């Protein structure tokens, strides 16, 4: 893994203002990891967005399962 340049870090910090959790958020941590692996900002961002969407879908599916179990339990 390589270190990020000052320019890259500044761009990430500016971008982090648009995301929940700032630089500590999952999206930004993923971007930093991908960029340290050698990906460009754009490629890292697209990959992080894809992971965000997958995580959101997984979370929604868990909520739907809980809701369905509650409905069955209460005979709805």
PDB file of N, CA and C in Angstrom:
ATOM      1  N   UNK A   1       0.840  -1.186   0.000  1.00  0.00           N
ATOM      2  CA  UNK A   1       0.000   0.000   0.000  1.00  0.00           C
ATOM      3  C   UNK A   1       0.878   1.241   0.000  1.00  0.00           C
ATOM      4  N   UNK A   2       0.419   2.234  -0.687  1.00  0.00           N
ATOM      5  CA  UNK A   2       1.195   3.471  -0.754  1.00  0.00           C
ATOM      6  C   UNK A   2       0.510   4.561   0.046  1.00  0.00           C
ATOM      7  N   UNK A   3       1.251   5.585   0.356  1.00  0.00           N
ATOM      8  CA  UNK A   3       0.704   6.732   1.078  1.00  0.00           C
ATOM      9  C   UNK A   3       0.034   7.674   0.088  1.00  0.00           C
ATOM     10  N   UNK A   4      -0.942   8.418   0.565  1.00  0.00           N
ATOM     11  CA  UNK A   4      -1.637   9.375  -0.288  1.00  0.00           C
ATOM     12  C   UNK A   4      -0.902  10.712  -0.255  1.00  0.00           C
ATOM     13  N   UNK A   5      -0.960  11.418  -1.369  1.00  0.00           N
ATOM     14  CA  UNK A   5      -0.323  12.732  -1.441  1.00  0.00           C
ATOM     15  C   UNK A   5      -1.164  13.750  -0.672  1.00  0.00           C
ATOM     16  N   UNK A   6      -0.568  14.879  -0.412  1.00  0.00           N
ATOM     17  CA  UNK A   6      -1.285  15.951   0.276  1.00  0.00           C
ATOM     18  C   UNK A   6      -2.496  16.398  -0.555  1.00  0.00           C
ATOM     19  N   UNK A   7      -2.317  16.456  -1.867  1.00  0.00           N
ATOM     20  CA  UNK A   7      -3.407  16.855  -2.768  1.00  0.00           C
ATOM     21  C   UNK A   7      -4.567  15.862  -2.686  1.00  0.00           C
ATOM     22  N   UNK A   8      -4.247  14.577  -2.661  1.00  0.00           N
ATOM     23  CA  UNK A   8      -5.287  13.551  -2.563  1.00  0.00           C
ATOM     24  C   UNK A   8      -6.021  13.650  -1.225  1.00  0.00           C
ATOM     25  N   UNK A   9      -5.269  13.844  -0.144  1.00  0.00           N
ATOM     26  CA  UNK A   9      -5.891  13.953   1.172  1.00  0.00           C
ATOM     27  C   UNK A   9      -6.792  15.178   1.252  1.00  0.00           C
ATOM     28  N   UNK A  10      -6.359  16.286   0.674  1.00  0.00           N
ATOM     29  CA  UNK A  10      -7.188  17.493   0.672  1.00  0.00           C
ATOM     30  C   UNK A  10      -8.488  17.262  -0.090  1.00  0.00           C
ATOM     31  N   UNK A  11      -8.391  16.561  -1.217  1.00  0.00           N
ATOM     32  CA  UNK A  11      -9.582  16.257  -2.007  1.00  0.00           C
ATOM     33  C   UNK A  11     -10.530  15.341  -1.221  1.00  0.00           C
ATOM     34  N   UNK A  12      -9.979  14.367  -0.528  1.00  0.00           N
ATOM     35  CA  UNK A  12     -10.797  13.463   0.285  1.00  0.00           C
ATOM     36  C   UNK A  12     -11.462  14.204   1.438  1.00  0.00           C
ATOM     37  N   UNK A  13     -10.714  15.083   2.094  1.00  0.00           N
ATOM     38  CA  UNK A  13     -11.281  15.845   3.212  1.00  0.00           C
ATOM     39  C   UNK A  13     -12.418  16.734   2.747  1.00  0.00           C
ATOM     40  N   UNK A  14     -12.255  17.359   1.591  1.00  0.00           N
ATOM     41  CA  UNK A  14     -13.318  18.198   1.044  1.00  0.00           C
ATOM     42  C   UNK A  14     -14.545  17.337   0.709  1.00  0.00           C
ATOM     43  N   UNK A  15     -14.307  16.201   0.105  1.00  0.00           N
ATOM     44  CA  UNK A  15     -15.393  15.285  -0.264  1.00  0.00           C
ATOM     45  C   UNK A  15     -16.099  14.734   0.975  1.00  0.00           C
ATOM     46  N   UNK A  16     -15.363  14.535   2.050  1.00  0.00           N
ATOM     47  CA  UNK A  16     -15.934  13.927   3.260  1.00  0.00           C
ATOM     48  C   UNK A  16     -17.030  14.790   3.882  1.00  0.00           C
ATOM     49  N   UNK A  17     -17.044  16.055   3.582  1.00  0.00           N
ATOM     50  CA  UNK A  17     -18.064  16.951   4.113  1.00  0.00           C
ATOM     51  C   UNK A  17     -19.457  16.580   3.609  1.00  0.00           C
ATOM     52  N   UNK A  18     -19.512  15.846   2.512  1.00  0.00           N
ATOM     53  CA  UNK A  18     -20.785  15.441   1.912  1.00  0.00           C
ATOM     54  C   UNK A  18     -21.313  14.130   2.488  1.00  0.00           C
ATOM     55  N   UNK A  19     -20.534  13.508   3.364  1.00  0.00           N
ATOM     56  CA  UNK A  19     -20.906  12.182   3.852  1.00  0.00           C
ATOM     57  C   UNK A  19     -21.024  12.142   5.366  1.00  0.00           C
ATOM     58  N   UNK A  20     -21.975  11.347   5.810  1.00  0.00           N
ATOM     59  CA  UNK A  20     -22.202  11.137   7.237  1.00  0.00           C
ATOM     60  C   UNK A  20     -20.923  10.575   7.874  1.00  0.00           C
ATOM     61  N   UNK A  21     -20.536  11.150   8.981  1.00  0.00           N
ATOM     62  CA  UNK A  21     -19.354  10.658   9.686  1.00  0.00           C
ATOM     63  C   UNK A  21     -18.057  11.284   9.229  1.00  0.00           C
ATOM     64  N   UNK A  22     -18.103  12.135   8.222  1.00  0.00           N
ATOM     65  CA  UNK A  22     -16.880  12.774   7.741  1.00  0.00           C
ATOM     66  C   UNK A  22     -15.841  11.749   7.329  1.00  0.00           C
ATOM     67  N   UNK A  23     -14.596  12.020   7.658  1.00  0.00           N
ATOM     68  CA  UNK A  23     -13.507  11.112   7.283  1.00  0.00           C
ATOM     69  C   UNK A  23     -13.583   9.789   8.039  1.00  0.00           C
ATOM     70  N   UNK A  24     -14.349   9.739   9.117  1.00  0.00           N
ATOM     71  CA  UNK A  24     -14.453   8.501   9.903  1.00  0.00           C
ATOM     72  C   UNK A  24     -15.557   7.577   9.399  1.00  0.00           C
ATOM     73  N   UNK A  25     -16.365   8.056   8.465  1.00  0.00           N
ATOM     74  CA  UNK A  25     -17.472   7.256   7.956  1.00  0.00           C
ATOM     75  C   UNK A  25     -16.994   6.089   7.109  1.00  0.00           C
ATOM     76  N   UNK A  26     -17.858   5.114   6.968  1.00  0.00           N
ATOM     77  CA  UNK A  26     -17.528   3.897   6.215  1.00  0.00           C
ATOM     78  C   UNK A  26     -17.174   4.239   4.773  1.00  0.00           C
ATOM     79  N   UNK A  27     -17.950   5.129   4.147  1.00  0.00           N
ATOM     80  CA  UNK A  27     -17.705   5.505   2.750  1.00  0.00           C
ATOM     81  C   UNK A  27     -16.285   6.054   2.581  1.00  0.00           C
ATOM     82  N   UNK A  28     -15.912   6.964   3.458  1.00  0.00           N
ATOM     83  CA  UNK A  28     -14.603   7.606   3.329  1.00  0.00           C
ATOM     84  C   UNK A  28     -13.465   6.648   3.675  1.00  0.00           C
ATOM     85  N   UNK A  29     -13.662   5.816   4.673  1.00  0.00           N
ATOM     86  CA  UNK A  29     -12.614   4.835   5.004  1.00  0.00           C
ATOM     87  C   UNK A  29     -12.385   3.896   3.834  1.00  0.00           C
ATOM     88  N   UNK A  30     -13.477   3.490   3.169  1.00  0.00           N
ATOM     89  CA  UNK A  30     -13.329   2.637   1.991  1.00  0.00           C
ATOM     90  C   UNK A  30     -12.576   3.366   0.888  1.00  0.00           C
ATOM     91  N   UNK A  31     -12.920   4.637   0.671  1.00  0.00           N
ATOM     92  CA  UNK A  31     -12.228   5.397  -0.379  1.00  0.00           C
ATOM     93  C   UNK A  31     -10.732   5.494  -0.106  1.00  0.00           C
ATOM     94  N   UNK A  32     -10.365   5.795   1.131  1.00  0.00           N
ATOM     95  CA  UNK A  32      -8.942   5.898   1.485  1.00  0.00           C
ATOM     96  C   UNK A  32      -8.249   4.568   1.232  1.00  0.00           C
ATOM     97  N   UNK A  33      -8.882   3.472   1.650  1.00  0.00           N
ATOM     98  CA  UNK A  33      -8.301   2.142   1.458  1.00  0.00           C
ATOM     99  C   UNK A  33      -8.077   1.853  -0.026  1.00  0.00           C
ATOM    100  N   UNK A  34      -9.086   2.141  -0.834  1.00  0.00           N
ATOM    101  CA  UNK A  34      -8.976   1.874  -2.265  1.00  0.00           C
ATOM    102  C   UNK A  34      -7.905   2.746  -2.923  1.00  0.00           C
ATOM    103  N   UNK A  35      -7.836   4.006  -2.521  1.00  0.00           N
ATOM    104  CA  UNK A  35      -6.834   4.899  -3.104  1.00  0.00           C
ATOM    105  C   UNK A  35      -5.425   4.484  -2.681  1.00  0.00           C
ATOM    106  N   UNK A  36      -5.270   3.997  -1.462  1.00  0.00           N
ATOM    107  CA  UNK A  36      -3.961   3.512  -1.027  1.00  0.00           C
ATOM    108  C   UNK A  36      -3.558   2.262  -1.805  1.00  0.00           C
ATOM    109  N   UNK A  37      -4.549   1.538  -2.316  1.00  0.00           N
ATOM    110  CA  UNK A  37      -4.271   0.365  -3.150  1.00  0.00           C
ATOM    111  C   UNK A  37      -3.924   0.769  -4.575  1.00  0.00           C
ATOM    112  N   UNK A  38      -4.015   2.081  -4.867  1.00  0.00           N
ATOM    113  CA  UNK A  38      -3.593   2.566  -6.183  1.00  0.00           C
ATOM    114  C   UNK A  38      -4.715   3.027  -7.093  1.00  0.00           C
ATOM    115  N   UNK A  39      -5.956   2.985  -6.626  1.00  0.00           N
ATOM    116  CA  UNK A  39      -7.073   3.423  -7.455  1.00  0.00           C
ATOM    117  C   UNK A  39      -7.156   4.942  -7.482  1.00  0.00           C
ATOM    118  N   UNK A  40      -7.708   5.464  -8.565  1.00  0.00           N
ATOM    119  CA  UNK A  40      -7.924   6.906  -8.662  1.00  0.00           C
ATOM    120  C   UNK A  40      -9.097   7.293  -7.763  1.00  0.00           C
ATOM    121  N   UNK A  41      -9.251   8.597  -7.542  1.00  0.00           N
ATOM    122  CA  UNK A  41     -10.356   9.101  -6.732  1.00  0.00           C
ATOM    123  C   UNK A  41     -11.683   8.611  -7.308  1.00  0.00           C
ATOM    124  N   UNK A  42     -11.855   8.754  -8.607  1.00  0.00           N
ATOM    125  CA  UNK A  42     -13.126   8.397  -9.253  1.00  0.00           C
ATOM    126  C   UNK A  42     -13.427   6.909  -9.122  1.00  0.00           C
ATOM    127  N   UNK A  43     -12.443   6.085  -9.378  1.00  0.00           N
ATOM    128  CA  UNK A  43     -12.645   4.632  -9.275  1.00  0.00           C
ATOM    129  C   UNK A  43     -12.941   4.248  -7.829  1.00  0.00           C
ATOM    130  N   UNK A  44     -12.184   4.809  -6.897  1.00  0.00           N
ATOM    131  CA  UNK A  44     -12.406   4.523  -5.472  1.00  0.00           C
ATOM    132  C   UNK A  44     -13.793   4.984  -5.043  1.00  0.00           C
ATOM    133  N   UNK A  45     -14.213   6.138  -5.536  1.00  0.00           N
ATOM    134  CA  UNK A  45     -15.534   6.669  -5.179  1.00  0.00           C
ATOM    135  C   UNK A  45     -16.641   5.766  -5.711  1.00  0.00           C
ATOM    136  N   UNK A  46     -16.523   5.349  -6.952  1.00  0.00           N
ATOM    137  CA  UNK A  46     -17.544   4.470  -7.536  1.00  0.00           C
ATOM    138  C   UNK A  46     -17.617   3.138  -6.797  1.00  0.00           C
ATOM    139  N   UNK A  47     -16.481   2.600  -6.430  1.00  0.00           N
ATOM    140  CA  UNK A  47     -16.463   1.328  -5.696  1.00  0.00           C
ATOM    141  C   UNK A  47     -17.066   1.507  -4.298  1.00  0.00           C
ATOM    142  N   UNK A  48     -16.748   2.623  -3.638  1.00  0.00           N
ATOM    143  CA  UNK A  48     -17.306   2.898  -2.308  1.00  0.00           C
ATOM    144  C   UNK A  48     -18.818   3.089  -2.390  1.00  0.00           C
ATOM    145  N   UNK A  49     -19.295   3.771  -3.443  1.00  0.00           N
ATOM    146  CA  UNK A  49     -20.749   3.951  -3.610  1.00  0.00           C
ATOM    147  C   UNK A  49     -21.434   2.612  -3.795  1.00  0.00           C
ATOM    148  N   UNK A  50     -20.812   1.727  -4.551  1.00  0.00           N
ATOM    149  CA  UNK A  50     -21.389   0.401  -4.773  1.00  0.00           C
ATOM    150  C   UNK A  50     -21.500  -0.360  -3.449  1.00  0.00           C
ATOM    151  N   UNK A  51     -20.456  -0.279  -2.635  1.00  0.00           N
ATOM    152  CA  UNK A  51     -20.490  -0.945  -1.332  1.00  0.00           C
ATOM    153  C   UNK A  51     -21.534  -0.309  -0.412  1.00  0.00           C
ATOM    154  N   UNK A  52     -21.669   1.029  -0.481  1.00  0.00           N
ATOM    155  CA  UNK A  52     -22.697   1.720   0.310  1.00  0.00           C
ATOM    156  C   UNK A  52     -24.079   1.190  -0.043  1.00  0.00           C
ATOM    157  N   UNK A  53     -24.323   1.051  -1.334  1.00  0.00           N
ATOM    158  CA  UNK A  53     -25.630   0.599  -1.810  1.00  0.00           C
ATOM    159  C   UNK A  53     -25.893  -0.839  -1.363  1.00  0.00           C
ATOM    160  N   UNK A  54     -24.872  -1.695  -1.465  1.00  0.00           N
ATOM    161  CA  UNK A  54     -25.022  -3.086  -1.024  1.00  0.00           C
ATOM    162  C   UNK A  54     -25.321  -3.152   0.471  1.00  0.00           C
ATOM    163  N   UNK A  55     -24.610  -2.315   1.264  1.00  0.00           N
ATOM    164  CA  UNK A  55     -24.832  -2.289   2.707  1.00  0.00           C
ATOM    165  C   UNK A  55     -26.237  -1.798   3.031  1.00  0.00           C
ATOM    166  N   UNK A  56     -26.691  -0.797   2.283  1.00  0.00           N
ATOM    167  CA  UNK A  56     -28.040  -0.261   2.499  1.00  0.00           C
ATOM    168  C   UNK A  56     -29.092  -1.311   2.161  1.00  0.00           C
ATOM    169  N   UNK A  57     -28.916  -2.018   1.063  1.00  0.00           N
ATOM    170  CA  UNK A  57     -29.866  -3.064   0.678  1.00  0.00           C
ATOM    171  C   UNK A  57     -29.898  -4.183   1.708  1.00  0.00           C
ATOM    172  N   UNK A  58     -28.737  -4.549   2.222  1.00  0.00           N
ATOM    173  CA  UNK A  58     -28.664  -5.602   3.235  1.00  0.00           C
ATOM    174  C   UNK A  58     -29.407  -5.158   4.499  1.00  0.00           C
ATOM    175  N   UNK A  59     -29.216  -3.900   4.876  1.00  0.00           N
ATOM    176  CA  UNK A  59     -29.887  -3.353   6.055  1.00  0.00           C
ATOM    177  C   UNK A  59     -31.404  -3.335   5.851  1.00  0.00           C
ATOM    178  N   UNK A  60     -31.844  -2.912   4.669  1.00  0.00           N
ATOM    179  CA  UNK A  60     -33.277  -2.882   4.366  1.00  0.00           C
ATOM    180  C   UNK A  60     -33.873  -4.275   4.403  1.00  0.00           C
ATOM    181  N   UNK A  61     -33.143  -5.261   3.904  1.00  0.00           N
ATOM    182  CA  UNK A  61     -33.643  -6.635   3.916  1.00  0.00           C
ATOM    183  C   UNK A  61     -33.803  -7.146   5.342  1.00  0.00           C
ATOM    184  N   UNK A  62     -32.847  -6.809   6.223  1.00  0.00           N
ATOM    185  CA  UNK A  62     -32.951  -7.230   7.622  1.00  0.00           C
ATOM    186  C   UNK A  62     -34.173  -6.604   8.278  1.00  0.00           C
ATOM    187  N   UNK A  63     -34.411  -5.308   7.996  1.00  0.00           N
ATOM    188  CA  UNK A  63     -35.567  -4.626   8.572  1.00  0.00           C
ATOM    189  C   UNK A  63     -36.871  -5.240   8.085  1.00  0.00           C
ATOM    190  N   UNK A  64     -36.927  -5.620   6.815  1.00  0.00           N
ATOM    191  CA  UNK A  64     -38.135  -6.237   6.272  1.00  0.00           C
ATOM    192  C   UNK A  64     -38.398  -7.597   6.898  1.00  0.00           C
ATOM    193  N   UNK A  65     -37.349  -8.358   7.156  1.00  0.00           N
ATOM    194  CA  UNK A  65     -37.502  -9.674   7.782  1.00  0.00           C
ATOM    195  C   UNK A  65     -38.050  -9.496   9.195  1.00  0.00           C
ATOM    196  N   UNK A  66     -37.495  -8.548   9.949  1.00  0.00           N
ATOM    197  CA  UNK A  66     -37.981  -8.299  11.315  1.00  0.00           C
ATOM    198  C   UNK A  66     -39.444  -7.870  11.286  1.00  0.00           C
ATOM    199  N   UNK A  67     -39.788  -7.009  10.342  1.00  0.00           N
ATOM    200  CA  UNK A  67     -41.160  -6.512  10.227  1.00  0.00           C
ATOM    201  C   UNK A  67     -42.109  -7.670   9.916  1.00  0.00           C
ATOM    202  N   UNK A  68     -41.713  -8.540   8.984  1.00  0.00           N
ATOM    203  CA  UNK A  68     -42.556  -9.677   8.620  1.00  0.00           C
ATOM    204  C   UNK A  68     -42.742 -10.639   9.790  1.00  0.00           C
ATOM    205  N   UNK A  69     -41.686 -10.855  10.571  1.00  0.00           N
ATOM    206  CA  UNK A  69     -41.800 -11.749  11.732  1.00  0.00           C
ATOM    207  C   UNK A  69     -42.760 -11.165  12.755  1.00  0.00           C
ATOM    208  N   UNK A  70     -42.690  -9.856  12.971  1.00  0.00           N
ATOM    209  CA  UNK A  70     -43.576  -9.196  13.924  1.00  0.00           C
ATOM    210  C   UNK A  70     -45.017  -9.297  13.458  1.00  0.00           C
ATOM    211  N   UNK A  71     -45.221  -9.095  12.155  1.00  0.00           N
ATOM    212  CA  UNK A  71     -46.580  -9.151  11.612  1.00  0.00           C
ATOM    213  C   UNK A  71     -47.164 -10.550  11.769  1.00  0.00           C
ATOM    214  N   UNK A  72     -46.337 -11.588  11.503  1.00  0.00           N
ATOM    215  CA  UNK A  72     -46.814 -12.958  11.645  1.00  0.00           C
ATOM    216  C   UNK A  72     -47.125 -13.271  13.106  1.00  0.00           C
ATOM    217  N   UNK A  73     -46.246 -12.784  14.000  1.00  0.00           N
ATOM    218  CA  UNK A  73     -46.435 -13.021  15.425  1.00  0.00           C
ATOM    219  C   UNK A  73     -47.733 -12.407  15.922  1.00  0.00           C
ATOM    220  N   UNK A  74     -48.069 -11.237  15.400  1.00  0.00           N
ATOM    221  CA  UNK A  74     -49.279 -10.542  15.807  1.00  0.00           C
ATOM    222  C   UNK A  74     -50.508 -10.875  14.948  1.00  0.00           C
ATOM    223  N   UNK A  75     -50.346 -11.883  14.081  1.00  0.00           N
ATOM    224  CA  UNK A  75     -51.426 -12.365  13.208  1.00  0.00           C
ATOM    225  C   UNK A  75     -52.010 -11.298  12.297  1.00  0.00           C
ATOM    226  N   UNK A  76     -51.139 -10.496  11.699  1.00  0.00           N
ATOM    227  CA  UNK A  76     -51.611  -9.491  10.736  1.00  0.00           C
ATOM    228  C   UNK A  76     -51.697 -10.093   9.365  1.00  0.00           C
TER     229      UNK A  76
END
